[in-house]
Protein backbone atom coordinates (compact mmCIF):
# COMPACT_ATOMS: atom_id res chain seq x y z
CA MET A 1 -28.76 21.06 17.76
CA ASN A 2 -27.38 24.55 16.67
CA ASP A 3 -28.24 25.46 13.12
CA ASP A 4 -25.45 28.25 13.01
CA TYR A 5 -22.58 27.16 10.63
CA GLN A 6 -19.37 28.71 11.46
CA GLN A 7 -16.44 28.30 9.46
CA SER A 8 -13.31 27.28 11.43
CA GLU A 9 -9.95 28.64 11.07
CA ASP A 10 -7.40 26.43 9.30
CA TYR A 11 -5.41 24.36 11.74
CA PHE A 12 -1.67 23.77 11.28
CA GLY A 13 -0.76 22.55 14.79
CA CYS A 14 2.75 23.45 15.86
CA PHE A 15 4.05 24.09 12.32
CA GLY A 16 3.50 27.64 11.92
CA LYS A 17 1.69 30.88 13.16
CA ASN A 18 0.03 31.12 9.62
CA ALA A 19 -0.92 29.02 6.68
CA ALA A 20 2.13 30.36 4.73
CA GLU A 21 4.60 29.51 7.26
CA ALA A 22 3.21 25.88 8.03
CA LEU A 23 2.76 24.89 4.42
CA ALA A 24 6.37 26.03 3.74
CA LEU A 25 7.24 23.19 6.23
CA LEU A 26 4.50 20.69 5.32
CA MET A 27 4.11 20.66 1.61
CA PRO A 28 7.70 19.37 0.77
CA VAL A 29 6.96 16.44 3.18
CA VAL A 30 3.50 16.08 1.31
CA ASP A 31 5.41 16.06 -1.99
CA ILE A 32 7.99 13.30 -0.94
CA ALA A 33 5.05 11.01 0.38
CA LEU A 34 2.99 11.39 -2.84
CA LYS A 35 5.94 10.86 -5.12
CA ALA A 36 7.11 7.85 -2.98
CA HIS A 37 3.53 6.52 -3.30
CA GLU A 38 3.49 7.03 -7.12
CA THR A 39 6.81 5.30 -7.52
CA GLY A 40 6.62 2.59 -5.04
CA ASP A 41 9.59 3.94 -3.06
CA TYR A 42 9.04 2.69 0.49
CA GLN A 43 12.25 4.04 1.92
CA ALA A 44 11.30 7.55 0.68
CA PHE A 45 8.00 7.24 2.34
CA ARG A 46 9.50 5.66 5.59
CA ASP A 47 11.79 8.71 5.81
CA VAL A 48 8.60 11.10 6.26
CA MET A 49 6.46 9.02 8.37
CA THR A 50 6.15 8.30 12.21
CA ASP A 51 7.14 5.02 13.78
CA SER A 52 3.52 4.36 14.57
CA LEU A 53 2.51 4.54 10.89
CA ALA A 54 5.62 2.55 9.96
CA ALA A 55 4.45 -0.16 12.31
CA ARG A 56 1.22 -0.44 10.23
CA ILE A 57 2.56 -0.07 6.90
CA THR A 58 5.31 -2.74 6.24
CA PRO A 59 7.49 -2.60 3.17
CA GLU A 60 5.43 -5.64 2.08
CA GLY A 61 2.06 -3.99 2.44
CA PHE A 62 3.24 -0.90 0.83
CA GLN A 63 4.42 -2.74 -2.23
CA ASN A 64 1.01 -4.53 -2.25
CA ALA A 65 -0.80 -1.25 -2.25
CA TYR A 66 1.38 0.19 -4.84
CA ALA A 67 0.90 -2.66 -7.27
CA ALA A 68 -2.82 -2.48 -6.65
CA ILE A 69 -3.27 1.25 -6.75
CA ALA A 70 -0.42 3.11 -8.66
CA PRO A 71 -1.48 1.47 -12.17
CA GLN A 72 -5.10 2.67 -11.65
CA LEU A 73 -3.97 6.28 -10.81
CA GLY A 74 -0.96 6.85 -12.91
CA GLN A 75 1.08 10.09 -12.28
CA LEU A 76 -0.06 12.86 -10.07
CA THR A 77 -0.88 15.99 -12.37
CA SER A 78 -2.27 18.42 -9.69
CA LYS A 79 -3.39 18.60 -6.31
CA ARG A 80 -5.04 21.54 -4.54
CA LEU A 81 -5.34 22.08 -0.51
CA ILE A 82 -9.05 22.40 0.25
CA ALA A 83 -8.58 22.25 4.05
CA ALA A 84 -6.49 22.12 7.13
CA VAL A 85 -8.43 20.61 9.91
CA ASN A 86 -7.78 19.34 13.62
CA ARG A 87 -7.50 15.70 13.80
CA ALA A 88 -7.13 14.94 17.54
CA GLY A 89 -4.67 17.78 18.13
CA ASN A 90 -2.81 16.97 14.90
CA PRO A 91 -3.11 18.86 11.67
CA ARG A 92 -4.81 16.99 8.82
CA LEU A 93 -4.37 18.56 5.30
CA LEU A 94 -7.05 17.56 2.78
CA PHE A 95 -6.63 17.68 -0.90
CA VAL A 96 -8.14 17.09 -4.17
CA ALA A 97 -5.95 15.59 -6.65
CA ARG A 98 -5.86 14.65 -10.27
CA TYR A 99 -3.95 11.63 -11.89
CA THR A 100 -3.28 10.67 -15.35
CA ASN A 101 -5.13 7.48 -15.53
CA THR A 102 -8.37 8.68 -14.09
CA SER A 103 -10.96 11.33 -14.62
CA ASP A 104 -12.08 11.12 -11.17
CA ASP A 105 -11.21 13.72 -8.35
CA ILE A 106 -9.00 11.70 -5.81
CA MET A 107 -9.23 12.84 -2.09
CA ILE A 108 -5.88 12.87 -0.33
CA ASN A 109 -5.85 13.09 3.57
CA ILE A 110 -2.58 13.40 5.41
CA THR A 111 -2.14 13.91 9.13
CA PHE A 112 0.83 15.15 10.69
CA THR A 113 1.89 14.64 14.14
CA ASN A 114 2.49 17.44 16.49
CA ASP A 115 5.05 15.19 18.58
CA ALA A 116 7.92 15.70 16.27
CA GLU A 117 10.80 18.08 15.75
CA ALA A 118 10.29 17.79 12.04
CA PRO A 119 7.06 17.27 10.22
CA LEU A 120 6.20 13.43 10.06
CA ILE A 121 2.98 11.88 8.66
CA ASN A 122 1.08 9.82 11.09
CA GLU A 123 -1.89 8.86 8.72
CA MET A 124 -2.22 9.01 4.85
CA TRP A 125 -5.12 7.98 2.66
CA ILE A 126 -5.75 8.25 -1.01
CA GLU A 127 -9.16 7.47 -2.13
């Protein structure tokens, strides 16, 4: 085991040559997805997800998750990007967020696919 810890570079896949360029493309998609999650708007969420993710998240499943989670969280008040990492060759953005109905820090993980012309979400977790 190597005890040397080396800080890795942020990974944004095919979405830019640097963080500013990539985030200019990715953050509007993140904002759409989080707003859709907050308001229960499946179609808005569907518009920014891959077909693979859509096969796993049906409209009914999305509404069930919305009904179970949204009231506990409330509205998003802030989010802070803490890392952009490589997830099987795709960029995963990690955020710490705050919502109106909880004092806990909430972790948000969003993975984009490199296989799309426009940025599309292939995985998303809010915990």
